[in-house]
Protein backbone atom coordinates (compact mmCIF):
# COMPACT_ATOMS: atom_id res chain seq x y z
CA UNK A 1 -141.49 59.00 -31.96
CA UNK A 2 -139.69 57.21 -29.15
CA UNK A 3 -136.19 58.62 -28.90
CA UNK A 4 -135.25 57.38 -25.40
CA UNK A 5 -132.44 55.32 -26.91
CA UNK A 6 -130.62 58.40 -28.18
CA UNK A 7 -127.53 59.23 -26.19
CA UNK A 8 -127.18 62.89 -25.21
CA UNK A 9 -123.41 62.74 -24.82
CA UNK A 10 -121.26 64.61 -27.33
CA UNK A 11 -120.32 62.50 -30.31
CA UNK A 12 -119.48 62.61 -33.98
CA UNK A 13 -121.61 62.01 -37.06
CA UNK A 14 -122.16 58.30 -37.68
CA UNK A 15 -121.03 57.56 -34.12
CA UNK A 16 -123.03 54.45 -33.22
CA UNK A 17 -125.09 54.18 -30.07
CA UNK A 18 -127.31 51.38 -28.85
CA UNK A 19 -129.75 50.56 -26.10
CA UNK A 20 -132.02 47.74 -24.99
CA UNK A 21 -135.66 48.84 -24.78
CA UNK A 22 -138.84 46.80 -24.56
CA UNK A 23 -140.67 48.55 -27.41
CA UNK A 24 -143.76 46.30 -27.36
CA UNK A 25 -144.20 45.85 -23.59
CA UNK A 26 -143.79 42.05 -23.47
CA UNK A 27 -140.91 42.05 -20.97
CA UNK A 28 -138.24 41.24 -23.58
CA UNK A 29 -135.96 44.12 -24.55
CA UNK A 30 -135.06 44.76 -28.18
CA UNK A 31 -131.62 45.97 -29.25
CA UNK A 32 -131.87 49.29 -31.08
CA UNK A 33 -128.78 50.52 -32.94
CA UNK A 34 -128.61 54.08 -34.17
CA UNK A 35 -126.47 57.15 -34.65
CA UNK A 36 -125.67 59.53 -31.82
CA UNK A 37 -125.88 62.87 -33.65
CA UNK A 38 -128.83 62.52 -35.99
CA UNK A 39 -131.03 59.99 -34.20
CA UNK A 40 -131.33 57.63 -37.18
CA UNK A 41 -132.20 54.03 -36.33
CA UNK A 42 -129.96 51.62 -38.25
CA UNK A 43 -131.25 48.32 -36.88
CA UNK A 44 -133.61 46.61 -34.46
CA UNK A 45 -132.97 43.11 -33.16
CA UNK A 46 -134.75 40.81 -30.73
CA UNK A 47 -134.07 37.35 -29.31
CA UNK A 48 -135.83 34.15 -30.31
CA UNK A 49 -134.79 31.19 -28.13
CA UNK A 50 -131.67 33.19 -27.19
CA UNK A 51 -130.75 33.65 -30.88
CA UNK A 52 -130.56 37.23 -32.25
CA UNK A 53 -133.22 37.94 -34.90
CA UNK A 54 -133.05 40.97 -37.17
CA UNK A 55 -136.36 42.86 -37.12
CA UNK A 56 -135.30 45.77 -39.34
CA UNK A 57 -131.96 46.94 -40.65
CA UNK A 58 -130.94 49.88 -42.79
CA UNK A 59 -129.85 48.44 -46.15
CA UNK A 60 -127.62 51.44 -46.77
CA UNK A 61 -129.71 53.02 -49.51
CA UNK A 62 -130.68 56.68 -49.55
CA UNK A 63 -134.06 57.84 -48.30
CA UNK A 64 -134.57 54.89 -45.93
CA UNK A 65 -135.89 55.59 -42.45
CA UNK A 66 -137.20 53.67 -39.44
CA UNK A 67 -139.07 55.11 -36.48
CA UNK A 68 -140.27 53.43 -33.33
CA UNK A 69 -143.64 54.93 -32.46
CA UNK A 70 -145.77 54.86 -29.33
CA UNK A 71 -147.40 51.51 -28.74
CA UNK A 72 -144.42 49.63 -30.15
CA UNK A 73 -145.21 50.33 -33.81
CA UNK A 74 -142.36 50.44 -36.32
CA UNK A 75 -142.72 52.88 -39.21
CA UNK A 76 -140.58 52.23 -42.29
CA UNK A 77 -140.20 54.65 -45.20
CA UNK A 78 -138.07 54.39 -48.32
CA UNK A 79 -138.10 55.90 -51.77
CA UNK A 80 -136.23 56.29 -55.02
CA UNK A 81 -136.85 57.92 -58.39
CA UNK A 82 -139.64 55.45 -59.30
CA UNK A 83 -141.51 54.59 -56.10
CA UNK A 84 -142.18 55.45 -52.46
CA UNK A 85 -143.02 52.81 -49.86
CA UNK A 86 -144.30 53.43 -46.34
CA UNK A 87 -145.21 50.64 -43.96
CA UNK A 88 -146.30 50.12 -40.39
CA UNK A 89 -145.63 46.98 -38.37
CA UNK A 90 -145.68 45.91 -34.74
CA UNK A 91 -144.00 43.20 -32.70
CA UNK A 92 -146.42 40.68 -31.23
CA UNK A 93 -146.01 39.27 -27.70
CA UNK A 94 -143.49 36.73 -29.06
CA UNK A 95 -141.50 39.49 -30.84
CA UNK A 96 -142.61 38.41 -34.32
CA UNK A 97 -143.03 41.31 -36.74
CA UNK A 98 -146.65 41.68 -37.85
CA UNK A 99 -147.43 43.92 -40.83
CA UNK A 100 -150.24 46.39 -40.14
CA UNK A 101 -150.23 48.49 -43.28
CA UNK A 102 -148.27 49.22 -46.45
CA UNK A 103 -148.73 52.16 -48.84
CA UNK A 104 -146.91 52.35 -52.19
CA UNK A 105 -146.76 55.13 -54.78
CA UNK A 106 -145.29 54.09 -58.14
CA UNK A 107 -144.31 56.90 -60.51
CA UNK A 108 -142.39 55.47 -63.43
CA UNK A 109 -141.34 57.89 -66.15
CA UNK A 110 -143.92 58.09 -68.92
CA UNK A 111 -146.51 55.98 -67.08
CA UNK A 112 -149.58 56.84 -65.03
CA UNK A 113 -149.01 57.13 -61.30
CA UNK A 114 -150.25 54.16 -59.27
CA UNK A 115 -151.26 54.22 -55.60
CA UNK A 116 -151.63 51.06 -53.53
CA UNK A 117 -152.63 50.29 -49.96
CA UNK A 118 -151.99 46.74 -48.75
CA UNK A 119 -151.41 45.60 -52.36
CA UNK A 120 -154.75 46.98 -53.60
CA UNK A 121 -154.83 49.86 -56.09
CA UNK A 122 -156.54 52.93 -54.58
CA UNK A 123 -157.13 56.61 -55.30
CA UNK A 124 -154.54 59.23 -54.45
CA UNK A 125 -156.79 60.44 -51.61
CA UNK A 126 -157.03 56.97 -50.05
CA UNK A 127 -153.25 56.63 -50.32
CA UNK A 128 -152.71 59.98 -48.57
CA UNK A 129 -155.15 58.99 -45.80
CA UNK A 130 -153.20 55.77 -45.23
CA UNK A 131 -149.93 57.72 -45.08
CA UNK A 132 -151.34 59.86 -42.31
CA UNK A 133 -152.00 56.72 -40.25
CA UNK A 134 -148.55 55.28 -40.91
CA UNK A 135 -146.56 58.41 -40.14
CA UNK A 136 -148.20 59.47 -36.86
């Protein structure tokens, strides 16, 4: 995980910090907003024709997490009582978000568990293998 943007200065919980880092190597720096103490990323923005564009933002729900990985990949994970979703995306050379992979586990009460990779139902083993790729 790239954590260069984290500020090592003393701070308080939920104390925002930000930095401009070129996460995809195209010469255009993205704005990354996070929290000083825990390292959580709360939002990633880029510019399109000098207009800010939201790439990802924390919607304020529990169990939601973003990570910026080596190579400029963005890992997104969220879950609730009925499903878990993990996805991997990357910014192209024009800073457009391109989806690489998505893995979903649905576990509704009283129903059979369902595993999907890129919107196709798969076995639990195939789902777990995809998770390993997404969460590297």
